[in-house]
Amino acid sequence: MDHRIAYCGVDCFACPDYQTGVCPACKRTPWTEDDICMPVKCCREKGIEFCGQCGGFPCGDMREFYAESEGHAAAYQRMLAMRSDNG
């Protein structure tokens, strides 16, 4: 499992929250059903490393999530570019 890329596609090592220890490090967190974030739950259910690997990406379910912050928006754009480079 690549711990550098979060389930949502954020590059962990470039993220200030990860660098300062604020981020829960989603791939190492023992999430419960009450606190699991949407990308974590979806990616785990589908058995994929991050959203960009999903055949349904980009999906409408994640639209609000990727609009929440500049980091999420950048991850979204990077995953779109990855898909167009591979497709």
C-alpha atoms as a PDB file:
ATOM      1  CA  MET A   1       0.000   0.000   0.000  1.00  0.00           C
ATOM      2  CA  ASP A   2       1.380   3.416  -0.959  1.00  0.00           C
ATOM      3  CA  HIS A   3       1.177   5.583   2.173  1.00  0.00           C
ATOM      4  CA  ARG A   4       2.320   8.648   0.258  1.00  0.00           C
ATOM      5  CA  ILE A   5      -0.969   9.086  -1.594  1.00  0.00           C
ATOM      6  CA  ALA A   6      -4.056   9.384   0.577  1.00  0.00           C
ATOM      7  CA  TYR A   7      -7.276   7.671  -0.448  1.00  0.00           C
ATOM      8  CA  CYS A   8      -8.567  11.072  -1.605  1.00  0.00           C
ATOM      9  CA  GLY A   9      -5.503  11.502  -3.830  1.00  0.00           C
ATOM     10  CA  VAL A  10      -3.680  14.094  -1.742  1.00  0.00           C
ATOM     11  CA  ASP A  11       0.121  13.761  -1.828  1.00  0.00           C
ATOM     12  CA  CYS A  12       0.677  13.280   1.903  1.00  0.00           C
ATOM     13  CA  PHE A  13       4.280  14.474   1.917  1.00  0.00           C
ATOM     14  CA  ALA A  14       3.278  17.768   0.283  1.00  0.00           C
ATOM     15  CA  CYS A  15       0.383  18.348   2.686  1.00  0.00           C
ATOM     16  CA  PRO A  16       1.050  20.742   5.584  1.00  0.00           C
ATOM     17  CA  ASP A  17      -1.476  18.906   7.792  1.00  0.00           C
ATOM     18  CA  TYR A  18       0.421  15.640   7.308  1.00  0.00           C
ATOM     19  CA  GLN A  19       3.792  17.307   7.875  1.00  0.00           C
ATOM     20  CA  THR A  20       2.665  18.885  11.162  1.00  0.00           C
ATOM     21  CA  GLY A  21       0.903  15.768  12.426  1.00  0.00           C
ATOM     22  CA  VAL A  22      -2.625  17.212  12.232  1.00  0.00           C
ATOM     23  CA  CYS A  23      -3.660  14.704   9.558  1.00  0.00           C
ATOM     24  CA  PRO A  24      -4.809  11.317  10.873  1.00  0.00           C
ATOM     25  CA  ALA A  25      -2.832   9.505   8.123  1.00  0.00           C
ATOM     26  CA  CYS A  26      -5.875   7.832   6.603  1.00  0.00           C
ATOM     27  CA  LYS A  27      -4.180   4.620   5.489  1.00  0.00           C
ATOM     28  CA  ARG A  28      -2.893   3.893   8.987  1.00  0.00           C
ATOM     29  CA  THR A  29      -5.920   5.019  10.998  1.00  0.00           C
ATOM     30  CA  PRO A  30      -8.195   2.341  12.471  1.00  0.00           C
ATOM     31  CA  TRP A  31     -11.391   4.089  11.335  1.00  0.00           C
ATOM     32  CA  THR A  32     -14.768   3.256  12.815  1.00  0.00           C
ATOM     33  CA  GLU A  33     -18.030   3.461  10.897  1.00  0.00           C
ATOM     34  CA  ASP A  34     -18.892   6.625  12.869  1.00  0.00           C
ATOM     35  CA  ASP A  35     -15.830   8.630  11.862  1.00  0.00           C
ATOM     36  CA  ILE A  36     -14.634   7.172   8.563  1.00  0.00           C
ATOM     37  CA  CYS A  37     -14.305   9.737   5.789  1.00  0.00           C
ATOM     38  CA  MET A  38     -16.013   9.170   2.467  1.00  0.00           C
ATOM     39  CA  PRO A  39     -12.927   8.510   0.288  1.00  0.00           C
ATOM     40  CA  VAL A  40     -11.521   6.052   2.838  1.00  0.00           C
ATOM     41  CA  LYS A  41     -14.751   4.086   3.012  1.00  0.00           C
ATOM     42  CA  CYS A  42     -15.304   4.041  -0.743  1.00  0.00           C
ATOM     43  CA  CYS A  43     -11.713   3.101  -1.647  1.00  0.00           C
ATOM     44  CA  ARG A  44     -11.575   0.350   0.955  1.00  0.00           C
ATOM     45  CA  GLU A  45     -14.877  -1.086  -0.260  1.00  0.00           C
ATOM     46  CA  LYS A  46     -13.567  -1.088  -3.846  1.00  0.00           C
ATOM     47  CA  GLY A  47     -10.092  -2.348  -2.913  1.00  0.00           C
ATOM     48  CA  ILE A  48      -8.279   0.563  -4.563  1.00  0.00           C
ATOM     49  CA  GLU A  49      -5.403   2.744  -3.335  1.00  0.00           C
ATOM     50  CA  PHE A  50      -6.974   6.141  -4.113  1.00  0.00           C
ATOM     51  CA  CYS A  51      -9.949   7.704  -5.896  1.00  0.00           C
ATOM     52  CA  GLY A  52      -8.099   8.209  -9.183  1.00  0.00           C
ATOM     53  CA  GLN A  53      -7.940   4.426  -9.642  1.00  0.00           C
ATOM     54  CA  CYS A  54     -11.726   4.113  -9.589  1.00  0.00           C
ATOM     55  CA  GLY A  55     -13.438   3.385 -12.892  1.00  0.00           C
ATOM     56  CA  GLY A  56     -16.158   5.841 -11.871  1.00  0.00           C
ATOM     57  CA  PHE A  57     -13.794   8.738 -11.138  1.00  0.00           C
ATOM     58  CA  PRO A  58     -14.707  11.542 -11.129  1.00  0.00           C
ATOM     59  CA  CYS A  59     -17.993  10.860  -9.401  1.00  0.00           C
ATOM     60  CA  GLY A  60     -20.680  13.219  -8.190  1.00  0.00           C
ATOM     61  CA  ASP A  61     -20.493  11.803  -4.665  1.00  0.00           C
ATOM     62  CA  MET A  62     -17.099  13.398  -4.173  1.00  0.00           C
ATOM     63  CA  ARG A  63     -17.822  16.817  -5.716  1.00  0.00           C
ATOM     64  CA  GLU A  64     -18.309  18.566  -2.342  1.00  0.00           C
ATOM     65  CA  PHE A  65     -15.306  16.820  -0.796  1.00  0.00           C
ATOM     66  CA  TYR A  66     -12.936  18.072  -3.483  1.00  0.00           C
ATOM     67  CA  ALA A  67     -14.321  21.609  -3.135  1.00  0.00           C
ATOM     68  CA  GLU A  68     -13.551  21.705   0.628  1.00  0.00           C
ATOM     69  CA  SER A  69      -9.955  22.871   0.366  1.00  0.00           C
ATOM     70  CA  GLU A  70      -7.199  23.883  -2.017  1.00  0.00           C
ATOM     71  CA  GLY A  71      -5.336  20.657  -1.222  1.00  0.00           C
ATOM     72  CA  HIS A  72      -8.331  18.510  -2.132  1.00  0.00           C
ATOM     73  CA  ALA A  73      -8.947  20.537  -5.287  1.00  0.00           C
ATOM     74  CA  ALA A  74      -5.300  20.122  -6.311  1.00  0.00           C
ATOM     75  CA  ALA A  75      -5.510  16.357  -5.689  1.00  0.00           C
ATOM     76  CA  TYR A  76      -8.630  16.189  -7.841  1.00  0.00           C
ATOM     77  CA  GLN A  77      -6.906  18.011 -10.699  1.00  0.00           C
ATOM     78  CA  ARG A  78      -3.797  15.814 -10.377  1.00  0.00           C
ATOM     79  CA  MET A  79      -5.925  12.649 -10.563  1.00  0.00           C
ATOM     80  CA  LEU A  80      -7.786  13.985 -13.613  1.00  0.00           C
ATOM     81  CA  ALA A  81      -4.423  14.632 -15.278  1.00  0.00           C
ATOM     82  CA  MET A  82      -3.201  11.133 -14.354  1.00  0.00           C
ATOM     83  CA  ARG A  83      -6.253   9.592 -15.963  1.00  0.00           C
ATOM     84  CA  SER A  84      -5.897  11.623 -19.159  1.00  0.00           C
ATOM     85  CA  ASP A  85      -2.176  10.711 -19.321  1.00  0.00           C
ATOM     86  CA  ASN A  86      -3.069   7.007 -19.039  1.00  0.00           C
ATOM     87  CA  GLY A  87      -6.133   7.028 -21.220  1.00  0.00           C
END
